[in-house]
PDB file of N, CA and C in Angstrom:
ATOM      1  N   MET A   1     -34.074  68.134 -69.931  1.00  0.00           N
ATOM      2  CA  MET A   1     -33.390  66.978 -70.468  1.00  0.00           C
ATOM      3  C   MET A   1     -33.983  66.642 -71.832  1.00  0.00           C
ATOM      4  N   LEU A   2     -33.129  66.412 -72.784  1.00  0.00           N
ATOM      5  CA  LEU A   2     -33.552  66.129 -74.150  1.00  0.00           C
ATOM      6  C   LEU A   2     -33.634  64.631 -74.398  1.00  0.00           C
ATOM      7  N   THR A   3     -34.620  64.231 -75.200  1.00  0.00           N
ATOM      8  CA  THR A   3     -34.693  62.836 -75.615  1.00  0.00           C
ATOM      9  C   THR A   3     -33.719  62.613 -76.769  1.00  0.00           C
ATOM     10  N   SER A   4     -33.502  61.368 -77.133  1.00  0.00           N
ATOM     11  CA  SER A   4     -32.555  61.071 -78.212  1.00  0.00           C
ATOM     12  C   SER A   4     -33.072  61.592 -79.554  1.00  0.00           C
ATOM     13  N   LYS A   5     -34.374  61.578 -79.773  1.00  0.00           N
ATOM     14  CA  LYS A   5     -34.927  62.101 -81.025  1.00  0.00           C
ATOM     15  C   LYS A   5     -34.787  63.621 -81.094  1.00  0.00           C
ATOM     16  N   GLN A   6     -35.029  64.292 -79.988  1.00  0.00           N
ATOM     17  CA  GLN A   6     -34.857  65.744 -79.951  1.00  0.00           C
ATOM     18  C   GLN A   6     -33.393  66.108 -80.183  1.00  0.00           C
ATOM     19  N   ARG A   7     -32.505  65.364 -79.536  1.00  0.00           N
ATOM     20  CA  ARG A   7     -31.074  65.607 -79.683  1.00  0.00           C
ATOM     21  C   ARG A   7     -30.634  65.393 -81.134  1.00  0.00           C
ATOM     22  N   ALA A   8     -31.174  64.358 -81.782  1.00  0.00           N
ATOM     23  CA  ALA A   8     -30.839  64.084 -83.179  1.00  0.00           C
ATOM     24  C   ALA A   8     -31.308  65.215 -84.086  1.00  0.00           C
ATOM     25  N   LYS A   9     -32.498  65.742 -83.829  1.00  0.00           N
ATOM     26  CA  LYS A   9     -33.003  66.857 -84.633  1.00  0.00           C
ATOM     27  C   LYS A   9     -32.129  68.094 -84.448  1.00  0.00           C
ATOM     28  N   LEU A  10     -31.751  68.372 -83.223  1.00  0.00           N
ATOM     29  CA  LEU A  10     -30.906  69.534 -82.938  1.00  0.00           C
ATOM     30  C   LEU A  10     -29.514  69.375 -83.543  1.00  0.00           C
ATOM     31  N   ARG A  11     -28.980  68.158 -83.537  1.00  0.00           N
ATOM     32  CA  ARG A  11     -27.679  67.922 -84.173  1.00  0.00           C
ATOM     33  C   ARG A  11     -27.748  68.221 -85.662  1.00  0.00           C
ATOM     34  N   GLY A  12     -28.842  67.838 -86.293  1.00  0.00           N
ATOM     35  CA  GLY A  12     -29.022  68.125 -87.713  1.00  0.00           C
ATOM     36  C   GLY A  12     -29.101  69.616 -87.984  1.00  0.00           C
ATOM     37  N   LEU A  13     -29.795  70.348 -87.122  1.00  0.00           N
ATOM     38  CA  LEU A  13     -29.897  71.798 -87.282  1.00  0.00           C
ATOM     39  C   LEU A  13     -28.555  72.480 -87.032  1.00  0.00           C
ATOM     40  N   ALA A  14     -27.787  71.952 -86.090  1.00  0.00           N
ATOM     41  CA  ALA A  14     -26.501  72.553 -85.734  1.00  0.00           C
ATOM     42  C   ALA A  14     -25.429  72.280 -86.774  1.00  0.00           C
ATOM     43  N   ASN A  15     -25.650  71.303 -87.623  1.00  0.00           N
ATOM     44  CA  ASN A  15     -24.654  70.939 -88.624  1.00  0.00           C
ATOM     45  C   ASN A  15     -24.330  72.107 -89.550  1.00  0.00           C
ATOM     46  N   GLY A  16     -25.303  72.932 -89.848  1.00  0.00           N
ATOM     47  CA  GLY A  16     -25.099  74.023 -90.799  1.00  0.00           C
ATOM     48  C   GLY A  16     -24.641  75.334 -90.201  1.00  0.00           C
ATOM     49  N   ILE A  17     -24.583  75.433 -88.878  1.00  0.00           N
ATOM     50  CA  ILE A  17     -24.186  76.712 -88.290  1.00  0.00           C
ATOM     51  C   ILE A  17     -22.695  76.722 -87.971  1.00  0.00           C
ATOM     52  N   PRO A  18     -22.052  77.874 -88.121  1.00  0.00           N
ATOM     53  CA  PRO A  18     -20.620  77.957 -87.794  1.00  0.00           C
ATOM     54  C   PRO A  18     -20.411  78.137 -86.285  1.00  0.00           C
ATOM     55  N   ALA A  19     -19.219  77.825 -85.819  1.00  0.00           N
ATOM     56  CA  ALA A  19     -18.849  78.056 -84.418  1.00  0.00           C
ATOM     57  C   ALA A  19     -18.496  79.536 -84.267  1.00  0.00           C
ATOM     58  N   LEU A  20     -19.357  80.294 -83.629  1.00  0.00           N
ATOM     59  CA  LEU A  20     -19.165  81.735 -83.507  1.00  0.00           C
ATOM     60  C   LEU A  20     -18.371  82.132 -82.273  1.00  0.00           C
ATOM     61  N   TYR A  21     -18.244  81.234 -81.329  1.00  0.00           N
ATOM     62  CA  TYR A  21     -17.561  81.556 -80.079  1.00  0.00           C
ATOM     63  C   TYR A  21     -16.393  80.610 -79.856  1.00  0.00           C
ATOM     64  N   GLN A  22     -15.347  81.131 -79.199  1.00  0.00           N
ATOM     65  CA  GLN A  22     -14.166  80.339 -78.904  1.00  0.00           C
ATOM     66  C   GLN A  22     -13.833  80.453 -77.423  1.00  0.00           C
ATOM     67  N   ILE A  23     -13.455  79.327 -76.845  1.00  0.00           N
ATOM     68  CA  ILE A  23     -12.986  79.315 -75.463  1.00  0.00           C
ATOM     69  C   ILE A  23     -11.486  79.106 -75.520  1.00  0.00           C
ATOM     70  N   GLY A  24     -10.739  80.083 -75.002  1.00  0.00           N
ATOM     71  CA  GLY A  24      -9.281  80.041 -75.051  1.00  0.00           C
ATOM     72  C   GLY A  24      -8.672  79.694 -73.715  1.00  0.00           C
ATOM     73  N   LYS A  25      -7.452  80.167 -73.507  1.00  0.00           N
ATOM     74  CA  LYS A  25      -6.700  79.802 -72.303  1.00  0.00           C
ATOM     75  C   LYS A  25      -7.290  80.396 -71.030  1.00  0.00           C
ATOM     76  N   ASP A  26      -8.113  81.437 -71.141  1.00  0.00           N
ATOM     77  CA  ASP A  26      -8.736  82.030 -69.957  1.00  0.00           C
ATOM     78  C   ASP A  26      -9.928  81.230 -69.461  1.00  0.00           C
ATOM     79  N   GLY A  27     -10.372  80.270 -70.240  1.00  0.00           N
ATOM     80  CA  GLY A  27     -11.529  79.472 -69.845  1.00  0.00           C
ATOM     81  C   GLY A  27     -12.824  80.227 -70.100  1.00  0.00           C
ATOM     82  N   ILE A  28     -13.844  79.878 -69.344  1.00  0.00           N
ATOM     83  CA  ILE A  28     -15.166  80.480 -69.519  1.00  0.00           C
ATOM     84  C   ILE A  28     -15.287  81.661 -68.562  1.00  0.00           C
ATOM     85  N   THR A  29     -15.303  82.864 -69.115  1.00  0.00           N
ATOM     86  CA  THR A  29     -15.386  84.077 -68.317  1.00  0.00           C
ATOM     87  C   THR A  29     -16.843  84.524 -68.173  1.00  0.00           C
ATOM     88  N   GLU A  30     -17.070  85.473 -67.274  1.00  0.00           N
ATOM     89  CA  GLU A  30     -18.420  85.993 -67.064  1.00  0.00           C
ATOM     90  C   GLU A  30     -18.945  86.697 -68.313  1.00  0.00           C
ATOM     91  N   ASN A  31     -18.071  87.404 -69.013  1.00  0.00           N
ATOM     92  CA  ASN A  31     -18.466  88.074 -70.250  1.00  0.00           C
ATOM     93  C   ASN A  31     -18.895  87.042 -71.299  1.00  0.00           C
ATOM     94  N   MET A  32     -18.177  85.943 -71.361  1.00  0.00           N
ATOM     95  CA  MET A  32     -18.504  84.881 -72.308  1.00  0.00           C
ATOM     96  C   MET A  32     -19.854  84.254 -71.962  1.00  0.00           C
ATOM     97  N   VAL A  33     -20.134  84.069 -70.682  1.00  0.00           N
ATOM     98  CA  VAL A  33     -21.418  83.513 -70.246  1.00  0.00           C
ATOM     99  C   VAL A  33     -22.553  84.430 -70.677  1.00  0.00           C
ATOM    100  N   LYS A  34     -22.345  85.739 -70.539  1.00  0.00           N
ATOM    101  CA  LYS A  34     -23.368  86.709 -70.971  1.00  0.00           C
ATOM    102  C   LYS A  34     -23.588  86.621 -72.472  1.00  0.00           C
ATOM    103  N   GLN A  35     -22.507  86.511 -73.246  1.00  0.00           N
ATOM    104  CA  GLN A  35     -22.632  86.391 -74.700  1.00  0.00           C
ATOM    105  C   GLN A  35     -23.359  85.100 -75.077  1.00  0.00           C
ATOM    106  N   PHE A  36     -23.039  84.005 -74.411  1.00  0.00           N
ATOM    107  CA  PHE A  36     -23.719  82.732 -74.677  1.00  0.00           C
ATOM    108  C   PHE A  36     -25.213  82.856 -74.387  1.00  0.00           C
ATOM    109  N   ALA A  37     -25.542  83.467 -73.246  1.00  0.00           N
ATOM    110  CA  ALA A  37     -26.947  83.606 -72.861  1.00  0.00           C
ATOM    111  C   ALA A  37     -27.717  84.459 -73.869  1.00  0.00           C
ATOM    112  N   ASP A  38     -27.106  85.559 -74.304  1.00  0.00           N
ATOM    113  CA  ASP A  38     -27.763  86.422 -75.298  1.00  0.00           C
ATOM    114  C   ASP A  38     -27.948  85.699 -76.626  1.00  0.00           C
ATOM    115  N   ALA A  39     -26.922  84.967 -77.053  1.00  0.00           N
ATOM    116  CA  ALA A  39     -27.004  84.241 -78.322  1.00  0.00           C
ATOM    117  C   ALA A  39     -28.037  83.117 -78.246  1.00  0.00           C
ATOM    118  N   LEU A  40     -28.114  82.436 -77.113  1.00  0.00           N
ATOM    119  CA  LEU A  40     -29.104  81.372 -76.964  1.00  0.00           C
ATOM    120  C   LEU A  40     -30.517  81.932 -76.946  1.00  0.00           C
ATOM    121  N   GLU A  41     -30.709  83.100 -76.369  1.00  0.00           N
ATOM    122  CA  GLU A  41     -32.031  83.724 -76.365  1.00  0.00           C
ATOM    123  C   GLU A  41     -32.435  84.112 -77.786  1.00  0.00           C
ATOM    124  N   ALA A  42     -31.479  84.565 -78.579  1.00  0.00           N
ATOM    125  CA  ALA A  42     -31.774  84.985 -79.949  1.00  0.00           C
ATOM    126  C   ALA A  42     -31.905  83.804 -80.908  1.00  0.00           C
ATOM    127  N   ASN A  43     -31.031  82.803 -80.779  1.00  0.00           N
ATOM    128  CA  ASN A  43     -30.963  81.721 -81.778  1.00  0.00           C
ATOM    129  C   ASN A  43     -31.360  80.348 -81.265  1.00  0.00           C
ATOM    130  N   GLU A  44     -31.369  80.153 -79.965  1.00  0.00           N
ATOM    131  CA  GLU A  44     -31.682  78.892 -79.298  1.00  0.00           C
ATOM    132  C   GLU A  44     -30.623  77.800 -79.472  1.00  0.00           C
ATOM    133  N   LEU A  45     -29.733  77.936 -80.438  1.00  0.00           N
ATOM    134  CA  LEU A  45     -28.744  76.903 -80.723  1.00  0.00           C
ATOM    135  C   LEU A  45     -27.430  77.581 -81.090  1.00  0.00           C
ATOM    136  N   ILE A  46     -26.352  77.265 -80.357  1.00  0.00           N
ATOM    137  CA  ILE A  46     -25.046  77.843 -80.683  1.00  0.00           C
ATOM    138  C   ILE A  46     -23.981  76.751 -80.696  1.00  0.00           C
ATOM    139  N   LYS A  47     -22.938  77.007 -81.468  1.00  0.00           N
ATOM    140  CA  LYS A  47     -21.803  76.096 -81.548  1.00  0.00           C
ATOM    141  C   LYS A  47     -20.577  76.842 -81.034  1.00  0.00           C
ATOM    142  N   VAL A  48     -19.785  76.180 -80.192  1.00  0.00           N
ATOM    143  CA  VAL A  48     -18.631  76.797 -79.549  1.00  0.00           C
ATOM    144  C   VAL A  48     -17.387  75.959 -79.852  1.00  0.00           C
ATOM    145  N   HIS A  49     -16.303  76.634 -80.183  1.00  0.00           N
ATOM    146  CA  HIS A  49     -15.023  75.991 -80.491  1.00  0.00           C
ATOM    147  C   HIS A  49     -14.104  76.147 -79.282  1.00  0.00           C
ATOM    148  N   VAL A  50     -13.512  75.055 -78.831  1.00  0.00           N
ATOM    149  CA  VAL A  50     -12.571  75.086 -77.711  1.00  0.00           C
ATOM    150  C   VAL A  50     -11.162  74.992 -78.292  1.00  0.00           C
ATOM    151  N   LEU A  51     -10.371  76.024 -78.048  1.00  0.00           N
ATOM    152  CA  LEU A  51      -9.017  76.060 -78.589  1.00  0.00           C
ATOM    153  C   LEU A  51      -8.108  75.073 -77.858  1.00  0.00           C
ATOM    154  N   GLU A  52      -7.036  74.684 -78.517  1.00  0.00           N
ATOM    155  CA  GLU A  52      -6.126  73.685 -77.946  1.00  0.00           C
ATOM    156  C   GLU A  52      -5.333  74.213 -76.755  1.00  0.00           C
ATOM    157  N   ASN A  53      -5.184  75.539 -76.646  1.00  0.00           N
ATOM    158  CA  ASN A  53      -4.425  76.083 -75.516  1.00  0.00           C
ATOM    159  C   ASN A  53      -5.287  76.209 -74.245  1.00  0.00           C
ATOM    160  N   ASN A  54      -6.527  75.748 -74.309  1.00  0.00           N
ATOM    161  CA  ASN A  54      -7.404  75.760 -73.154  1.00  0.00           C
ATOM    162  C   ASN A  54      -6.956  74.679 -72.170  1.00  0.00           C
ATOM    163  N   LEU A  55      -7.020  74.981 -70.888  1.00  0.00           N
ATOM    164  CA  LEU A  55      -6.586  74.037 -69.867  1.00  0.00           C
ATOM    165  C   LEU A  55      -7.647  72.997 -69.529  1.00  0.00           C
ATOM    166  N   MET A  56      -8.902  73.255 -69.936  1.00  0.00           N
ATOM    167  CA  MET A  56      -9.991  72.320 -69.633  1.00  0.00           C
ATOM    168  C   MET A  56     -10.151  71.299 -70.749  1.00  0.00           C
ATOM    169  N   ASP A  57     -10.683  70.157 -70.384  1.00  0.00           N
ATOM    170  CA  ASP A  57     -11.087  69.149 -71.354  1.00  0.00           C
ATOM    171  C   ASP A  57     -12.348  69.660 -72.067  1.00  0.00           C
ATOM    172  N   ILE A  58     -12.603  69.188 -73.281  1.00  0.00           N
ATOM    173  CA  ILE A  58     -13.764  69.637 -74.046  1.00  0.00           C
ATOM    174  C   ILE A  58     -15.064  69.329 -73.309  1.00  0.00           C
ATOM    175  N   ARG A  59     -15.144  68.167 -72.678  1.00  0.00           N
ATOM    176  CA  ARG A  59     -16.363  67.804 -71.944  1.00  0.00           C
ATOM    177  C   ARG A  59     -16.566  68.702 -70.728  1.00  0.00           C
ATOM    178  N   GLU A  60     -15.479  68.997 -70.020  1.00  0.00           N
ATOM    179  CA  GLU A  60     -15.565  69.894 -68.867  1.00  0.00           C
ATOM    180  C   GLU A  60     -16.045  71.275 -69.293  1.00  0.00           C
ATOM    181  N   ALA A  61     -15.506  71.771 -70.393  1.00  0.00           N
ATOM    182  CA  ALA A  61     -15.888  73.090 -70.891  1.00  0.00           C
ATOM    183  C   ALA A  61     -17.358  73.109 -71.291  1.00  0.00           C
ATOM    184  N   ALA A  62     -17.820  72.067 -71.968  1.00  0.00           N
ATOM    185  CA  ALA A  62     -19.219  72.003 -72.393  1.00  0.00           C
ATOM    186  C   ALA A  62     -20.160  71.935 -71.193  1.00  0.00           C
ATOM    187  N   GLU A  63     -19.821  71.119 -70.212  1.00  0.00           N
ATOM    188  CA  GLU A  63     -20.660  70.989 -69.020  1.00  0.00           C
ATOM    189  C   GLU A  63     -20.711  72.288 -68.230  1.00  0.00           C
ATOM    190  N   GLU A  64     -19.569  72.935 -68.074  1.00  0.00           N
ATOM    191  CA  GLU A  64     -19.516  74.188 -67.323  1.00  0.00           C
ATOM    192  C   GLU A  64     -20.302  75.282 -68.035  1.00  0.00           C
ATOM    193  N   ALA A  65     -20.135  75.396 -69.349  1.00  0.00           N
ATOM    194  CA  ALA A  65     -20.861  76.417 -70.117  1.00  0.00           C
ATOM    195  C   ALA A  65     -22.365  76.166 -70.049  1.00  0.00           C
ATOM    196  N   ALA A  66     -22.779  74.909 -70.215  1.00  0.00           N
ATOM    197  CA  ALA A  66     -24.201  74.574 -70.176  1.00  0.00           C
ATOM    198  C   ALA A  66     -24.796  74.866 -68.798  1.00  0.00           C
ATOM    199  N   GLU A  67     -24.046  74.545 -67.764  1.00  0.00           N
ATOM    200  CA  GLU A  67     -24.526  74.788 -66.396  1.00  0.00           C
ATOM    201  C   GLU A  67     -24.675  76.277 -66.108  1.00  0.00           C
ATOM    202  N   LYS A  68     -23.708  77.072 -66.546  1.00  0.00           N
ATOM    203  CA  LYS A  68     -23.725  78.501 -66.242  1.00  0.00           C
ATOM    204  C   LYS A  68     -24.840  79.253 -66.978  1.00  0.00           C
ATOM    205  N   VAL A  69     -25.217  78.797 -68.175  1.00  0.00           N
ATOM    206  CA  VAL A  69     -26.281  79.486 -68.919  1.00  0.00           C
ATOM    207  C   VAL A  69     -27.615  78.759 -68.820  1.00  0.00           C
ATOM    208  N   GLY A  70     -27.656  77.597 -68.183  1.00  0.00           N
ATOM    209  CA  GLY A  70     -28.897  76.852 -68.032  1.00  0.00           C
ATOM    210  C   GLY A  70     -29.352  76.196 -69.320  1.00  0.00           C
ATOM    211  N   ALA A  71     -28.400  75.708 -70.111  1.00  0.00           N
ATOM    212  CA  ALA A  71     -28.714  75.100 -71.407  1.00  0.00           C
ATOM    213  C   ALA A  71     -28.447  73.601 -71.368  1.00  0.00           C
ATOM    214  N   ASP A  72     -28.835  72.931 -72.436  1.00  0.00           N
ATOM    215  CA  ASP A  72     -28.548  71.513 -72.605  1.00  0.00           C
ATOM    216  C   ASP A  72     -27.410  71.353 -73.596  1.00  0.00           C
ATOM    217  N   THR A  73     -26.507  70.428 -73.319  1.00  0.00           N
ATOM    218  CA  THR A  73     -25.452  70.103 -74.275  1.00  0.00           C
ATOM    219  C   THR A  73     -26.029  69.124 -75.287  1.00  0.00           C
ATOM    220  N   VAL A  74     -26.024  69.522 -76.549  1.00  0.00           N
ATOM    221  CA  VAL A  74     -26.587  68.695 -77.608  1.00  0.00           C
ATOM    222  C   VAL A  74     -25.551  67.714 -78.126  1.00  0.00           C
ATOM    223  N   GLN A  75     -24.340  68.219 -78.384  1.00  0.00           N
ATOM    224  CA  GLN A  75     -23.331  67.398 -79.040  1.00  0.00           C
ATOM    225  C   GLN A  75     -21.945  67.889 -78.671  1.00  0.00           C
ATOM    226  N   ILE A  76     -21.034  66.941 -78.515  1.00  0.00           N
ATOM    227  CA  ILE A  76     -19.611  67.247 -78.359  1.00  0.00           C
ATOM    228  C   ILE A  76     -18.896  66.442 -79.423  1.00  0.00           C
ATOM    229  N   ILE A  77     -18.259  67.141 -80.334  1.00  0.00           N
ATOM    230  CA  ILE A  77     -17.574  66.440 -81.414  1.00  0.00           C
ATOM    231  C   ILE A  77     -16.259  67.159 -81.706  1.00  0.00           C
ATOM    232  N   GLY A  78     -15.176  66.418 -81.645  1.00  0.00           N
ATOM    233  CA  GLY A  78     -13.862  67.018 -81.876  1.00  0.00           C
ATOM    234  C   GLY A  78     -13.562  68.053 -80.815  1.00  0.00           C
ATOM    235  N   ASN A  79     -13.323  69.280 -81.236  1.00  0.00           N
ATOM    236  CA  ASN A  79     -13.060  70.369 -80.298  1.00  0.00           C
ATOM    237  C   ASN A  79     -14.183  71.403 -80.316  1.00  0.00           C
ATOM    238  N   LYS A  80     -15.391  70.954 -80.666  1.00  0.00           N
ATOM    239  CA  LYS A  80     -16.563  71.832 -80.679  1.00  0.00           C
ATOM    240  C   LYS A  80     -17.699  71.188 -79.911  1.00  0.00           C
ATOM    241  N   PHE A  81     -18.565  72.045 -79.366  1.00  0.00           N
ATOM    242  CA  PHE A  81     -19.775  71.540 -78.729  1.00  0.00           C
ATOM    243  C   PHE A  81     -20.940  72.452 -79.073  1.00  0.00           C
ATOM    244  N   VAL A  82     -22.137  71.904 -78.951  1.00  0.00           N
ATOM    245  CA  VAL A  82     -23.363  72.613 -79.315  1.00  0.00           C
ATOM    246  C   VAL A  82     -24.247  72.713 -78.080  1.00  0.00           C
ATOM    247  N   LEU A  83     -24.778  73.915 -77.837  1.00  0.00           N
ATOM    248  CA  LEU A  83     -25.685  74.158 -76.720  1.00  0.00           C
ATOM    249  C   LEU A  83     -27.061  74.537 -77.238  1.00  0.00           C
ATOM    250  N   TYR A  84     -28.106  74.118 -76.507  1.00  0.00           N
ATOM    251  CA  TYR A  84     -29.486  74.456 -76.867  1.00  0.00           C
ATOM    252  C   TYR A  84     -30.223  74.937 -75.625  1.00  0.00           C
ATOM    253  N   LYS A  85     -30.957  76.016 -75.796  1.00  0.00           N
ATOM    254  CA  LYS A  85     -31.833  76.507 -74.747  1.00  0.00           C
ATOM    255  C   LYS A  85     -33.017  77.176 -75.427  1.00  0.00           C
ATOM    256  N   PRO A  86     -34.248  76.739 -75.128  1.00  0.00           N
ATOM    257  CA  PRO A  86     -35.400  77.367 -75.781  1.00  0.00           C
ATOM    258  C   PRO A  86     -35.535  78.834 -75.386  1.00  0.00           C
ATOM    259  N   SER A  87     -35.917  79.636 -76.351  1.00  0.00           N
ATOM    260  CA  SER A  87     -36.069  81.073 -76.132  1.00  0.00           C
ATOM    261  C   SER A  87     -37.353  81.351 -75.356  1.00  0.00           C
ATOM    262  N   LYS A  88     -37.304  82.314 -74.461  1.00  0.00           N
ATOM    263  CA  LYS A  88     -38.487  82.696 -73.699  1.00  0.00           C
ATOM    264  C   LYS A  88     -39.375  83.659 -74.486  1.00  0.00           C
ATOM    265  N   GLU A  89     -38.745  84.531 -75.256  1.00  0.00           N
ATOM    266  CA  GLU A  89     -39.468  85.559 -76.007  1.00  0.00           C
ATOM    267  C   GLU A  89     -40.108  85.027 -77.282  1.00  0.00           C
ATOM    268  N   ASN A  90     -39.299  84.467 -78.171  1.00  0.00           N
ATOM    269  CA  ASN A  90     -39.801  83.988 -79.458  1.00  0.00           C
ATOM    270  C   ASN A  90     -39.147  82.653 -79.834  1.00  0.00           C
ATOM    271  N   PRO A  91     -39.754  81.546 -79.387  1.00  0.00           N
ATOM    272  CA  PRO A  91     -39.185  80.238 -79.712  1.00  0.00           C
ATOM    273  C   PRO A  91     -39.251  79.961 -81.214  1.00  0.00           C
ATOM    274  N   ARG A  92     -38.128  79.512 -81.779  1.00  0.00           N
ATOM    275  CA  ARG A  92     -38.037  79.215 -83.211  1.00  0.00           C
ATOM    276  C   ARG A  92     -38.042  77.728 -83.487  1.00  0.00           C
ATOM    277  N   ILE A  93     -37.367  76.963 -82.642  1.00  0.00           N
ATOM    278  CA  ILE A  93     -37.197  75.535 -82.874  1.00  0.00           C
ATOM    279  C   ILE A  93     -38.294  74.786 -82.121  1.00  0.00           C
ATOM    280  N   VAL A  94     -39.073  74.007 -82.851  1.00  0.00           N
ATOM    281  CA  VAL A  94     -40.128  73.198 -82.249  1.00  0.00           C
ATOM    282  C   VAL A  94     -39.658  71.755 -82.184  1.00  0.00           C
ATOM    283  N   LEU A  95     -39.623  71.217 -80.975  1.00  0.00           N
ATOM    284  CA  LEU A  95     -39.170  69.826 -80.793  1.00  0.00           C
ATOM    285  C   LEU A  95     -40.344  68.907 -80.630  1.00  0.00           C
TER     286      LEU A  95
END
């Protein structure tokens, strides 16, 4: 669980990164979960774009993705959300 100060720092860091992943009408697939997990291990912070043709609400999608990869939801804004999970191998972000 993140504190409000940690969350604020992560939001600032996430501001400059592009949304590299998209959740479409198929929802969150197992392949997508693997990609999220690999990206979080490498970068610790990812931004995901939820397309309008998705059947899930943005909050539902963020909660489900965070639960499946074991990450924390940092921010939900518009149709994008940010996930954070500290890396086990080489942590980059110090909170």
